[in-house]
Amino acid sequence: NWGKIRIVNELKLRNISANIIKIALKEINETAYYDLFEEISLKHWQSISEKNTLKKRKKFCDYFIRKGWENDFIYEKVKQLESEFNNI
């Protein structure tokens, strides 16, 4: 469940050419990619037992940054999840 950033970095570490990486990234279905992020981000948010909102947000963001997901996905999703779960 890696994001595109991590995929690119891992391929570069294995000396895969930039052209091949570019071709490979084009083959990723954007809808499926986003749907996967939606699914795993919700599961991860619910699995974090931290009660302090700032600490929970940091744990969530750090996890997805390590997994190589795009920052805009991460920060948009954390705002959405916070508002959804704070209204419960």
C-alpha atoms as a PDB file:
ATOM      1  CA  ASN A   1       0.000   0.000   0.000  1.00  0.00           C
ATOM      2  CA  TRP A   2       2.581   2.504  -1.103  1.00  0.00           C
ATOM      3  CA  GLY A   3       1.926   5.900  -2.589  1.00  0.00           C
ATOM      4  CA  LYS A   4       3.468   7.132  -5.818  1.00  0.00           C
ATOM      5  CA  ILE A   5       6.299   8.970  -4.063  1.00  0.00           C
ATOM      6  CA  ARG A   6       7.496   5.801  -2.352  1.00  0.00           C
ATOM      7  CA  ILE A   7       7.108   3.775  -5.550  1.00  0.00           C
ATOM      8  CA  VAL A   8       9.252   6.253  -7.491  1.00  0.00           C
ATOM      9  CA  ASN A   9      11.914   6.345  -4.765  1.00  0.00           C
ATOM     10  CA  GLU A  10      12.071   2.554  -4.529  1.00  0.00           C
ATOM     11  CA  LEU A  11      12.392   2.203  -8.300  1.00  0.00           C
ATOM     12  CA  LYS A  12      15.161   4.824  -8.393  1.00  0.00           C
ATOM     13  CA  LEU A  13      17.025   2.909  -5.671  1.00  0.00           C
ATOM     14  CA  ARG A  14      16.915  -0.120  -7.960  1.00  0.00           C
ATOM     15  CA  ASN A  15      18.395   1.924 -10.832  1.00  0.00           C
ATOM     16  CA  ILE A  16      15.240   1.840 -12.949  1.00  0.00           C
ATOM     17  CA  SER A  17      15.378   4.505 -15.661  1.00  0.00           C
ATOM     18  CA  ALA A  18      13.252   7.632 -15.370  1.00  0.00           C
ATOM     19  CA  ASN A  19      11.436   6.800 -18.616  1.00  0.00           C
ATOM     20  CA  ILE A  20      10.346   3.397 -17.351  1.00  0.00           C
ATOM     21  CA  ILE A  21       9.226   4.919 -14.051  1.00  0.00           C
ATOM     22  CA  LYS A  22       7.175   7.506 -15.939  1.00  0.00           C
ATOM     23  CA  ILE A  23       5.531   4.768 -18.030  1.00  0.00           C
ATOM     24  CA  ALA A  24       4.813   2.689 -14.930  1.00  0.00           C
ATOM     25  CA  LEU A  25       3.175   5.624 -13.140  1.00  0.00           C
ATOM     26  CA  LYS A  26       0.894   6.237 -16.117  1.00  0.00           C
ATOM     27  CA  GLU A  27      -0.400   2.678 -15.757  1.00  0.00           C
ATOM     28  CA  ILE A  28      -1.733   3.346 -12.266  1.00  0.00           C
ATOM     29  CA  ASN A  29      -5.493   3.759 -12.410  1.00  0.00           C
ATOM     30  CA  GLU A  30      -6.136   7.103 -10.698  1.00  0.00           C
ATOM     31  CA  THR A  31      -9.603   6.156  -9.472  1.00  0.00           C
ATOM     32  CA  ALA A  32      -8.403   2.879  -7.961  1.00  0.00           C
ATOM     33  CA  TYR A  33      -5.388   4.677  -6.454  1.00  0.00           C
ATOM     34  CA  TYR A  34      -7.587   7.281  -4.774  1.00  0.00           C
ATOM     35  CA  ASP A  35     -10.128   4.661  -3.661  1.00  0.00           C
ATOM     36  CA  LEU A  36      -7.341   2.626  -2.062  1.00  0.00           C
ATOM     37  CA  PHE A  37      -6.139   5.697  -0.190  1.00  0.00           C
ATOM     38  CA  GLU A  38      -9.687   6.424   0.986  1.00  0.00           C
ATOM     39  CA  GLU A  39     -10.066   2.879   2.289  1.00  0.00           C
ATOM     40  CA  ILE A  40      -6.741   2.546   4.083  1.00  0.00           C
ATOM     41  CA  SER A  41      -6.816   6.082   5.477  1.00  0.00           C
ATOM     42  CA  LEU A  42     -10.175   5.491   7.156  1.00  0.00           C
ATOM     43  CA  LYS A  43      -8.981   2.177   8.620  1.00  0.00           C
ATOM     44  CA  HIS A  44      -5.763   3.748   9.862  1.00  0.00           C
ATOM     45  CA  TRP A  45      -7.576   6.734  11.410  1.00  0.00           C
ATOM     46  CA  GLN A  46      -9.887   4.396  13.305  1.00  0.00           C
ATOM     47  CA  SER A  47      -6.960   2.249  14.460  1.00  0.00           C
ATOM     48  CA  ILE A  48      -5.141   5.159  16.141  1.00  0.00           C
ATOM     49  CA  SER A  49      -6.159   5.097  19.797  1.00  0.00           C
ATOM     50  CA  GLU A  50      -4.615   8.481  20.635  1.00  0.00           C
ATOM     51  CA  LYS A  51      -7.167  10.848  22.212  1.00  0.00           C
ATOM     52  CA  ASN A  52      -5.142  14.040  21.744  1.00  0.00           C
ATOM     53  CA  THR A  53      -6.191  15.399  18.340  1.00  0.00           C
ATOM     54  CA  LEU A  54      -2.810  16.919  17.479  1.00  0.00           C
ATOM     55  CA  LYS A  55      -0.938  13.720  18.329  1.00  0.00           C
ATOM     56  CA  LYS A  56      -3.455  11.637  16.398  1.00  0.00           C
ATOM     57  CA  ARG A  57      -3.109  13.927  13.379  1.00  0.00           C
ATOM     58  CA  LYS A  58       0.696  13.658  13.554  1.00  0.00           C
ATOM     59  CA  LYS A  59       0.621   9.860  13.777  1.00  0.00           C
ATOM     60  CA  PHE A  60      -1.759   9.697  10.825  1.00  0.00           C
ATOM     61  CA  CYS A  61       0.253  12.080   8.650  1.00  0.00           C
ATOM     62  CA  ASP A  62       3.624  10.553   9.533  1.00  0.00           C
ATOM     63  CA  TYR A  63       2.376   7.080   8.628  1.00  0.00           C
ATOM     64  CA  PHE A  64       1.196   8.089   5.163  1.00  0.00           C
ATOM     65  CA  ILE A  65       4.247  10.245   4.486  1.00  0.00           C
ATOM     66  CA  ARG A  66       6.445   7.213   5.259  1.00  0.00           C
ATOM     67  CA  LYS A  67       4.299   5.158   2.884  1.00  0.00           C
ATOM     68  CA  GLY A  68       4.918   7.723   0.142  1.00  0.00           C
ATOM     69  CA  TRP A  69       1.440   9.143  -0.337  1.00  0.00           C
ATOM     70  CA  GLU A  70       1.092  12.669  -1.669  1.00  0.00           C
ATOM     71  CA  ASN A  71       0.929  15.407   0.955  1.00  0.00           C
ATOM     72  CA  ASP A  72      -2.188  17.009  -0.496  1.00  0.00           C
ATOM     73  CA  PHE A  73      -4.047  13.666  -0.219  1.00  0.00           C
ATOM     74  CA  ILE A  74      -2.893  13.256   3.368  1.00  0.00           C
ATOM     75  CA  TYR A  75      -3.697  16.726   4.669  1.00  0.00           C
ATOM     76  CA  GLU A  76      -7.030  16.917   2.874  1.00  0.00           C
ATOM     77  CA  LYS A  77      -8.038  13.535   4.287  1.00  0.00           C
ATOM     78  CA  VAL A  78      -6.947  14.284   7.850  1.00  0.00           C
ATOM     79  CA  LYS A  79      -9.084  17.446   7.848  1.00  0.00           C
ATOM     80  CA  GLN A  80     -12.049  15.480   6.517  1.00  0.00           C
ATOM     81  CA  LEU A  81     -11.656  12.683   9.065  1.00  0.00           C
ATOM     82  CA  GLU A  82     -11.250  15.107  11.964  1.00  0.00           C
ATOM     83  CA  SER A  83     -14.440  16.923  11.063  1.00  0.00           C
ATOM     84  CA  GLU A  84     -16.369  13.671  10.533  1.00  0.00           C
ATOM     85  CA  PHE A  85     -15.267  12.052  13.775  1.00  0.00           C
ATOM     86  CA  ASN A  86     -15.469  15.206  15.900  1.00  0.00           C
ATOM     87  CA  ASN A  87     -19.133  15.545  14.969  1.00  0.00           C
ATOM     88  CA  ILE A  88     -20.032  12.087  16.263  1.00  0.00           C
END
